[in-house]
Amino acid sequence: MSRFYGFDKYQIGEIVLIDSPESLAAFARTWKRHHPLHPRQFAFAGQTAKIANSLLYHGGDILYELEGIPGLWHQQLLSPL
């Protein structure tokens, strides 16, 4: 069950694909707000992961924790399988 009743794109337990290295790099260059990508997150580009938790940032953005993968992930950096 979603924690945010339809606002988050992915459900806890859903498998997602992390975007490509190029996409992560473009996001890192242009994103100027909260929770920028940490350099260690780039090692997981192109991998699949299970959604462990979803969080609502006070500005309205949904962030995700991925099982076994460090950092918080922005919704736009993940794709459904």
PDB file of N, CA and C in Angstrom:
ATOM      1  N   MET A   1       0.839  -1.185   0.000  1.00  0.00           N
ATOM      2  CA  MET A   1       0.000   0.000   0.000  1.00  0.00           C
ATOM      3  C   MET A   1       0.882   1.246   0.000  1.00  0.00           C
ATOM      4  N   SER A   2       0.552   2.181  -0.819  1.00  0.00           N
ATOM      5  CA  SER A   2       1.273   3.436  -0.911  1.00  0.00           C
ATOM      6  C   SER A   2       1.100   4.240   0.377  1.00  0.00           C
ATOM      7  N   ARG A   3       2.160   4.924   0.779  1.00  0.00           N
ATOM      8  CA  ARG A   3       2.071   5.779   1.956  1.00  0.00           C
ATOM      9  C   ARG A   3       1.392   7.106   1.643  1.00  0.00           C
ATOM     10  N   PHE A   4       1.355   7.511   0.362  1.00  0.00           N
ATOM     11  CA  PHE A   4       0.874   8.841   0.022  1.00  0.00           C
ATOM     12  C   PHE A   4      -0.364   8.811  -0.854  1.00  0.00           C
ATOM     13  N   TYR A   5      -1.051   7.687  -0.883  1.00  0.00           N
ATOM     14  CA  TYR A   5      -2.358   7.567  -1.492  1.00  0.00           C
ATOM     15  C   TYR A   5      -2.435   8.144  -2.907  1.00  0.00           C
ATOM     16  N   GLY A   6      -1.555   7.642  -3.770  1.00  0.00           N
ATOM     17  CA  GLY A   6      -1.626   8.007  -5.173  1.00  0.00           C
ATOM     18  C   GLY A   6      -0.641   9.062  -5.617  1.00  0.00           C
ATOM     19  N   PHE A   7       0.035   9.728  -4.694  1.00  0.00           N
ATOM     20  CA  PHE A   7       0.999  10.746  -5.088  1.00  0.00           C
ATOM     21  C   PHE A   7       2.330  10.139  -5.513  1.00  0.00           C
ATOM     22  N   ASP A   8       2.685   8.999  -4.926  1.00  0.00           N
ATOM     23  CA  ASP A   8       3.937   8.360  -5.312  1.00  0.00           C
ATOM     24  C   ASP A   8       3.682   7.409  -6.479  1.00  0.00           C
ATOM     25  N   LYS A   9       4.630   7.343  -7.355  1.00  0.00           N
ATOM     26  CA  LYS A   9       4.504   6.568  -8.590  1.00  0.00           C
ATOM     27  C   LYS A   9       4.688   5.075  -8.342  1.00  0.00           C
ATOM     28  N   TYR A  10       5.518   4.720  -7.375  1.00  0.00           N
ATOM     29  CA  TYR A  10       5.862   3.325  -7.122  1.00  0.00           C
ATOM     30  C   TYR A  10       5.415   2.890  -5.738  1.00  0.00           C
ATOM     31  N   GLN A  11       5.032   1.641  -5.656  1.00  0.00           N
ATOM     32  CA  GLN A  11       4.591   1.055  -4.399  1.00  0.00           C
ATOM     33  C   GLN A  11       5.757   0.362  -3.689  1.00  0.00           C
ATOM     34  N   ILE A  12       5.708   0.292  -2.388  1.00  0.00           N
ATOM     35  CA  ILE A  12       6.710  -0.446  -1.622  1.00  0.00           C
ATOM     36  C   ILE A  12       6.686  -1.894  -2.088  1.00  0.00           C
ATOM     37  N   GLY A  13       7.865  -2.434  -2.362  1.00  0.00           N
ATOM     38  CA  GLY A  13       7.996  -3.799  -2.852  1.00  0.00           C
ATOM     39  C   GLY A  13       8.104  -3.896  -4.363  1.00  0.00           C
ATOM     40  N   GLU A  14       7.769  -2.833  -5.079  1.00  0.00           N
ATOM     41  CA  GLU A  14       7.842  -2.828  -6.550  1.00  0.00           C
ATOM     42  C   GLU A  14       9.298  -2.793  -7.007  1.00  0.00           C
ATOM     43  N   ILE A  15       9.584  -3.482  -8.106  1.00  0.00           N
ATOM     44  CA  ILE A  15      10.925  -3.492  -8.694  1.00  0.00           C
ATOM     45  C   ILE A  15      11.004  -2.384  -9.737  1.00  0.00           C
ATOM     46  N   VAL A  16      12.073  -1.595  -9.669  1.00  0.00           N
ATOM     47  CA  VAL A  16      12.274  -0.479 -10.591  1.00  0.00           C
ATOM     48  C   VAL A  16      13.669  -0.561 -11.204  1.00  0.00           C
ATOM     49  N   LEU A  17      13.848   0.185 -12.271  1.00  0.00           N
ATOM     50  CA  LEU A  17      15.137   0.303 -12.942  1.00  0.00           C
ATOM     51  C   LEU A  17      15.689   1.688 -12.661  1.00  0.00           C
ATOM     52  N   ILE A  18      16.926   1.749 -12.185  1.00  0.00           N
ATOM     53  CA  ILE A  18      17.607   3.031 -11.973  1.00  0.00           C
ATOM     54  C   ILE A  18      18.109   3.520 -13.330  1.00  0.00           C
ATOM     55  N   ASP A  19      17.951   4.799 -13.592  1.00  0.00           N
ATOM     56  CA  ASP A  19      18.336   5.376 -14.883  1.00  0.00           C
ATOM     57  C   ASP A  19      19.807   5.147 -15.214  1.00  0.00           C
ATOM     58  N   SER A  20      20.139   5.434 -16.458  1.00  0.00           N
ATOM     59  CA  SER A  20      21.488   5.263 -16.999  1.00  0.00           C
ATOM     60  C   SER A  20      22.483   6.228 -16.353  1.00  0.00           C
ATOM     61  N   PRO A  21      23.776   5.939 -16.479  1.00  0.00           N
ATOM     62  CA  PRO A  21      24.781   6.871 -15.955  1.00  0.00           C
ATOM     63  C   PRO A  21      24.642   8.270 -16.555  1.00  0.00           C
ATOM     64  N   GLU A  22      24.318   8.344 -17.829  1.00  0.00           N
ATOM     65  CA  GLU A  22      24.170   9.645 -18.496  1.00  0.00           C
ATOM     66  C   GLU A  22      23.003  10.436 -17.910  1.00  0.00           C
ATOM     67  N   SER A  23      21.908   9.739 -17.655  1.00  0.00           N
ATOM     68  CA  SER A  23      20.738  10.388 -17.077  1.00  0.00           C
ATOM     69  C   SER A  23      21.024  10.867 -15.650  1.00  0.00           C
ATOM     70  N   LEU A  24      21.704  10.045 -14.870  1.00  0.00           N
ATOM     71  CA  LEU A  24      22.060  10.452 -13.504  1.00  0.00           C
ATOM     72  C   LEU A  24      22.984  11.660 -13.533  1.00  0.00           C
ATOM     73  N   ALA A  25      23.941  11.672 -14.459  1.00  0.00           N
ATOM     74  CA  ALA A  25      24.881  12.794 -14.568  1.00  0.00           C
ATOM     75  C   ALA A  25      24.150  14.076 -14.955  1.00  0.00           C
ATOM     76  N   ALA A  26      23.211  13.981 -15.896  1.00  0.00           N
ATOM     77  CA  ALA A  26      22.445  15.157 -16.300  1.00  0.00           C
ATOM     78  C   ALA A  26      21.618  15.695 -15.127  1.00  0.00           C
ATOM     79  N   PHE A  27      21.000  14.793 -14.371  1.00  0.00           N
ATOM     80  CA  PHE A  27      20.231  15.202 -13.205  1.00  0.00           C
ATOM     81  C   PHE A  27      21.142  15.899 -12.193  1.00  0.00           C
ATOM     82  N   ALA A  28      22.301  15.320 -11.937  1.00  0.00           N
ATOM     83  CA  ALA A  28      23.234  15.885 -10.963  1.00  0.00           C
ATOM     84  C   ALA A  28      23.708  17.285 -11.381  1.00  0.00           C
ATOM     85  N   ARG A  29      23.870  17.508 -12.677  1.00  0.00           N
ATOM     86  CA  ARG A  29      24.311  18.823 -13.165  1.00  0.00           C
ATOM     87  C   ARG A  29      23.215  19.882 -13.039  1.00  0.00           C
ATOM     88  N   THR A  30      21.971  19.482 -13.197  1.00  0.00           N
ATOM     89  CA  THR A  30      20.894  20.471 -13.271  1.00  0.00           C
ATOM     90  C   THR A  30      20.077  20.611 -11.995  1.00  0.00           C
ATOM     91  N   TRP A  31      20.070  19.608 -11.141  1.00  0.00           N
ATOM     92  CA  TRP A  31      19.247  19.649  -9.922  1.00  0.00           C
ATOM     93  C   TRP A  31      19.889  20.571  -8.903  1.00  0.00           C
ATOM     94  N   LYS A  32      19.168  21.593  -8.473  1.00  0.00           N
ATOM     95  CA  LYS A  32      19.707  22.602  -7.542  1.00  0.00           C
ATOM     96  C   LYS A  32      18.962  22.647  -6.217  1.00  0.00           C
ATOM     97  N   ARG A  33      18.065  21.699  -6.005  1.00  0.00           N
ATOM     98  CA  ARG A  33      17.250  21.745  -4.799  1.00  0.00           C
ATOM     99  C   ARG A  33      17.718  20.697  -3.784  1.00  0.00           C
ATOM    100  N   HIS A  34      16.808  20.171  -3.026  1.00  0.00           N
ATOM    101  CA  HIS A  34      17.076  19.231  -1.934  1.00  0.00           C
ATOM    102  C   HIS A  34      17.577  17.869  -2.436  1.00  0.00           C
ATOM    103  N   HIS A  35      18.274  17.169  -1.595  1.00  0.00           N
ATOM    104  CA  HIS A  35      18.732  15.799  -1.823  1.00  0.00           C
ATOM    105  C   HIS A  35      19.413  15.590  -3.175  1.00  0.00           C
ATOM    106  N   PRO A  36      20.530  16.272  -3.414  1.00  0.00           N
ATOM    107  CA  PRO A  36      21.273  16.003  -4.652  1.00  0.00           C
ATOM    108  C   PRO A  36      21.811  14.571  -4.625  1.00  0.00           C
ATOM    109  N   LEU A  37      22.122  14.050  -5.789  1.00  0.00           N
ATOM    110  CA  LEU A  37      22.717  12.709  -5.847  1.00  0.00           C
ATOM    111  C   LEU A  37      24.090  12.722  -5.194  1.00  0.00           C
ATOM    112  N   HIS A  38      24.379  11.679  -4.466  1.00  0.00           N
ATOM    113  CA  HIS A  38      25.704  11.503  -3.874  1.00  0.00           C
ATOM    114  C   HIS A  38      26.545  10.713  -4.874  1.00  0.00           C
ATOM    115  N   PRO A  39      27.833  11.013  -4.990  1.00  0.00           N
ATOM    116  CA  PRO A  39      28.674  10.301  -5.965  1.00  0.00           C
ATOM    117  C   PRO A  39      28.597   8.776  -5.863  1.00  0.00           C
ATOM    118  N   ARG A  40      28.408   8.224  -4.680  1.00  0.00           N
ATOM    119  CA  ARG A  40      28.349   6.764  -4.542  1.00  0.00           C
ATOM    120  C   ARG A  40      27.116   6.161  -5.221  1.00  0.00           C
ATOM    121  N   GLN A  41      26.090   6.992  -5.460  1.00  0.00           N
ATOM    122  CA  GLN A  41      24.876   6.488  -6.097  1.00  0.00           C
ATOM    123  C   GLN A  41      25.086   6.162  -7.582  1.00  0.00           C
ATOM    124  N   PHE A  42      26.057   6.795  -8.216  1.00  0.00           N
ATOM    125  CA  PHE A  42      26.298   6.570  -9.642  1.00  0.00           C
ATOM    126  C   PHE A  42      26.682   5.121  -9.947  1.00  0.00           C
ATOM    127  N   ALA A  43      27.252   4.430  -8.987  1.00  0.00           N
ATOM    128  CA  ALA A  43      27.658   3.032  -9.184  1.00  0.00           C
ATOM    129  C   ALA A  43      26.456   2.117  -9.424  1.00  0.00           C
ATOM    130  N   PHE A  44      25.252   2.572  -9.123  1.00  0.00           N
ATOM    131  CA  PHE A  44      24.052   1.736  -9.242  1.00  0.00           C
ATOM    132  C   PHE A  44      23.237   2.032 -10.501  1.00  0.00           C
ATOM    133  N   ALA A  45      23.753   2.898 -11.364  1.00  0.00           N
ATOM    134  CA  ALA A  45      23.043   3.237 -12.608  1.00  0.00           C
ATOM    135  C   ALA A  45      22.794   1.974 -13.430  1.00  0.00           C
ATOM    136  N   GLY A  46      21.596   1.866 -13.987  1.00  0.00           N
ATOM    137  CA  GLY A  46      21.232   0.741 -14.835  1.00  0.00           C
ATOM    138  C   GLY A  46      20.851  -0.529 -14.100  1.00  0.00           C
ATOM    139  N   GLN A  47      20.868  -0.510 -12.777  1.00  0.00           N
ATOM    140  CA  GLN A  47      20.519  -1.700 -12.003  1.00  0.00           C
ATOM    141  C   GLN A  47      19.040  -1.690 -11.628  1.00  0.00           C
ATOM    142  N   THR A  48      18.544  -2.857 -11.299  1.00  0.00           N
ATOM    143  CA  THR A  48      17.186  -2.954 -10.777  1.00  0.00           C
ATOM    144  C   THR A  48      17.247  -2.964  -9.251  1.00  0.00           C
ATOM    145  N   ALA A  49      16.152  -2.520  -8.639  1.00  0.00           N
ATOM    146  CA  ALA A  49      16.089  -2.462  -7.181  1.00  0.00           C
ATOM    147  C   ALA A  49      14.637  -2.543  -6.743  1.00  0.00           C
ATOM    148  N   LYS A  50      14.454  -2.926  -5.496  1.00  0.00           N
ATOM    149  CA  LYS A  50      13.120  -2.995  -4.902  1.00  0.00           C
ATOM    150  C   LYS A  50      12.886  -1.741  -4.056  1.00  0.00           C
ATOM    151  N   ILE A  51      11.717  -1.149  -4.211  1.00  0.00           N
ATOM    152  CA  ILE A  51      11.338   0.007  -3.399  1.00  0.00           C
ATOM    153  C   ILE A  51      11.170  -0.449  -1.953  1.00  0.00           C
ATOM    154  N   ALA A  52      11.934   0.165  -1.043  1.00  0.00           N
ATOM    155  CA  ALA A  52      11.856  -0.176   0.371  1.00  0.00           C
ATOM    156  C   ALA A  52      10.960   0.795   1.136  1.00  0.00           C
ATOM    157  N   ASN A  53      10.931   2.057   0.687  1.00  0.00           N
ATOM    158  CA  ASN A  53      10.159   3.068   1.397  1.00  0.00           C
ATOM    159  C   ASN A  53       9.966   4.263   0.475  1.00  0.00           C
ATOM    160  N   SER A  54       8.906   4.992   0.682  1.00  0.00           N
ATOM    161  CA  SER A  54       8.698   6.241  -0.040  1.00  0.00           C
ATOM    162  C   SER A  54       8.516   7.357   0.976  1.00  0.00           C
ATOM    163  N   LEU A  55       9.065   8.511   0.649  1.00  0.00           N
ATOM    164  CA  LEU A  55       9.064   9.650   1.560  1.00  0.00           C
ATOM    165  C   LEU A  55       8.551  10.873   0.819  1.00  0.00           C
ATOM    166  N   LEU A  56       7.812  11.703   1.497  1.00  0.00           N
ATOM    167  CA  LEU A  56       7.301  12.927   0.905  1.00  0.00           C
ATOM    168  C   LEU A  56       8.134  14.088   1.427  1.00  0.00           C
ATOM    169  N   TYR A  57       8.895  14.718   0.520  1.00  0.00           N
ATOM    170  CA  TYR A  57       9.662  15.903   0.899  1.00  0.00           C
ATOM    171  C   TYR A  57       8.684  17.061   1.075  1.00  0.00           C
ATOM    172  N   HIS A  58       8.971  17.980   1.976  1.00  0.00           N
ATOM    173  CA  HIS A  58       7.999  19.037   2.291  1.00  0.00           C
ATOM    174  C   HIS A  58       7.638  19.900   1.088  1.00  0.00           C
ATOM    175  N   GLY A  59       8.449  19.912   0.038  1.00  0.00           N
ATOM    176  CA  GLY A  59       8.117  20.656  -1.169  1.00  0.00           C
ATOM    177  C   GLY A  59       7.188  19.900  -2.094  1.00  0.00           C
ATOM    178  N   GLY A  60       6.836  18.666  -1.731  1.00  0.00           N
ATOM    179  CA  GLY A  60       5.907  17.876  -2.526  1.00  0.00           C
ATOM    180  C   GLY A  60       6.564  16.796  -3.371  1.00  0.00           C
ATOM    181  N   ASP A  61       7.892  16.723  -3.376  1.00  0.00           N
ATOM    182  CA  ASP A  61       8.586  15.703  -4.153  1.00  0.00           C
ATOM    183  C   ASP A  61       8.582  14.371  -3.417  1.00  0.00           C
ATOM    184  N   ILE A  62       8.422  13.295  -4.189  1.00  0.00           N
ATOM    185  CA  ILE A  62       8.495  11.955  -3.622  1.00  0.00           C
ATOM    186  C   ILE A  62       9.915  11.443  -3.785  1.00  0.00           C
ATOM    187  N   LEU A  63      10.471  10.928  -2.709  1.00  0.00           N
ATOM    188  CA  LEU A  63      11.792  10.315  -2.705  1.00  0.00           C
ATOM    189  C   LEU A  63      11.630   8.858  -2.307  1.00  0.00           C
ATOM    190  N   TYR A  64      12.551   8.030  -2.765  1.00  0.00           N
ATOM    191  CA  TYR A  64      12.474   6.602  -2.472  1.00  0.00           C
ATOM    192  C   TYR A  64      13.763   6.106  -1.840  1.00  0.00           C
ATOM    193  N   GLU A  65      13.614   5.174  -0.925  1.00  0.00           N
ATOM    194  CA  GLU A  65      14.721   4.366  -0.430  1.00  0.00           C
ATOM    195  C   GLU A  65      14.630   3.037  -1.166  1.00  0.00           C
ATOM    196  N   LEU A  66      15.770   2.549  -1.627  1.00  0.00           N
ATOM    197  CA  LEU A  66      15.817   1.295  -2.365  1.00  0.00           C
ATOM    198  C   LEU A  66      16.511   0.244  -1.514  1.00  0.00           C
ATOM    199  N   GLU A  67      15.981  -0.944  -1.535  1.00  0.00           N
ATOM    200  CA  GLU A  67      16.515  -2.037  -0.732  1.00  0.00           C
ATOM    201  C   GLU A  67      17.954  -2.348  -1.139  1.00  0.00           C
ATOM    202  N   GLY A  68      18.884  -2.248  -0.186  1.00  0.00           N
ATOM    203  CA  GLY A  68      20.275  -2.601  -0.422  1.00  0.00           C
ATOM    204  C   GLY A  68      21.079  -1.596  -1.234  1.00  0.00           C
ATOM    205  N   ILE A  69      20.491  -0.441  -1.528  1.00  0.00           N
ATOM    206  CA  ILE A  69      21.174   0.586  -2.326  1.00  0.00           C
ATOM    207  C   ILE A  69      21.154   1.889  -1.538  1.00  0.00           C
ATOM    208  N   PRO A  70      22.316   2.530  -1.370  1.00  0.00           N
ATOM    209  CA  PRO A  70      22.374   3.728  -0.530  1.00  0.00           C
ATOM    210  C   PRO A  70      21.703   4.942  -1.159  1.00  0.00           C
ATOM    211  N   GLY A  71      21.351   5.876  -0.301  1.00  0.00           N
ATOM    212  CA  GLY A  71      20.858   7.173  -0.726  1.00  0.00           C
ATOM    213  C   GLY A  71      19.361   7.241  -0.900  1.00  0.00           C
ATOM    214  N   LEU A  72      18.905   8.456  -1.125  1.00  0.00           N
ATOM    215  CA  LEU A  72      17.508   8.708  -1.467  1.00  0.00           C
ATOM    216  C   LEU A  72      17.452   8.945  -2.962  1.00  0.00           C
ATOM    217  N   TRP A  73      16.411   8.408  -3.593  1.00  0.00           N
ATOM    218  CA  TRP A  73      16.290   8.456  -5.049  1.00  0.00           C
ATOM    219  C   TRP A  73      15.052   9.247  -5.442  1.00  0.00           C
ATOM    220  N   HIS A  74      15.247  10.188  -6.345  1.00  0.00           N
ATOM    221  CA  HIS A  74      14.140  10.982  -6.862  1.00  0.00           C
ATOM    222  C   HIS A  74      13.313  10.133  -7.827  1.00  0.00           C
ATOM    223  N   GLN A  75      12.014  10.356  -7.784  1.00  0.00           N
ATOM    224  CA  GLN A  75      11.082   9.591  -8.608  1.00  0.00           C
ATOM    225  C   GLN A  75      11.468   9.607 -10.086  1.00  0.00           C
ATOM    226  N   GLN A  76      11.960  10.723 -10.595  1.00  0.00           N
ATOM    227  CA  GLN A  76      12.283  10.839 -12.017  1.00  0.00           C
ATOM    228  C   GLN A  76      13.535  10.063 -12.426  1.00  0.00           C
ATOM    229  N   LEU A  77      14.266   9.506 -11.474  1.00  0.00           N
ATOM    230  CA  LEU A  77      15.455   8.714 -11.785  1.00  0.00           C
ATOM    231  C   LEU A  77      15.170   7.214 -11.843  1.00  0.00           C
ATOM    232  N   LEU A  78      13.900   6.854 -11.669  1.00  0.00           N
ATOM    233  CA  LEU A  78      13.501   5.444 -11.644  1.00  0.00           C
ATOM    234  C   LEU A  78      12.456   5.193 -12.714  1.00  0.00           C
ATOM    235  N   SER A  79      12.470   3.983 -13.252  1.00  0.00           N
ATOM    236  CA  SER A  79      11.487   3.585 -14.271  1.00  0.00           C
ATOM    237  C   SER A  79      10.898   2.238 -13.892  1.00  0.00           C
ATOM    238  N   PRO A  80       9.645   1.991 -14.278  1.00  0.00           N
ATOM    239  CA  PRO A  80       9.056   0.679 -14.006  1.00  0.00           C
ATOM    240  C   PRO A  80       9.679  -0.378 -14.904  1.00  0.00           C
ATOM    241  N   LEU A  81       9.645  -1.614 -14.454  1.00  0.00           N
ATOM    242  CA  LEU A  81      10.118  -2.719 -15.304  1.00  0.00           C
ATOM    243  C   LEU A  81       8.979  -3.215 -16.155  1.00  0.00           C
TER     244      LEU A  81
END
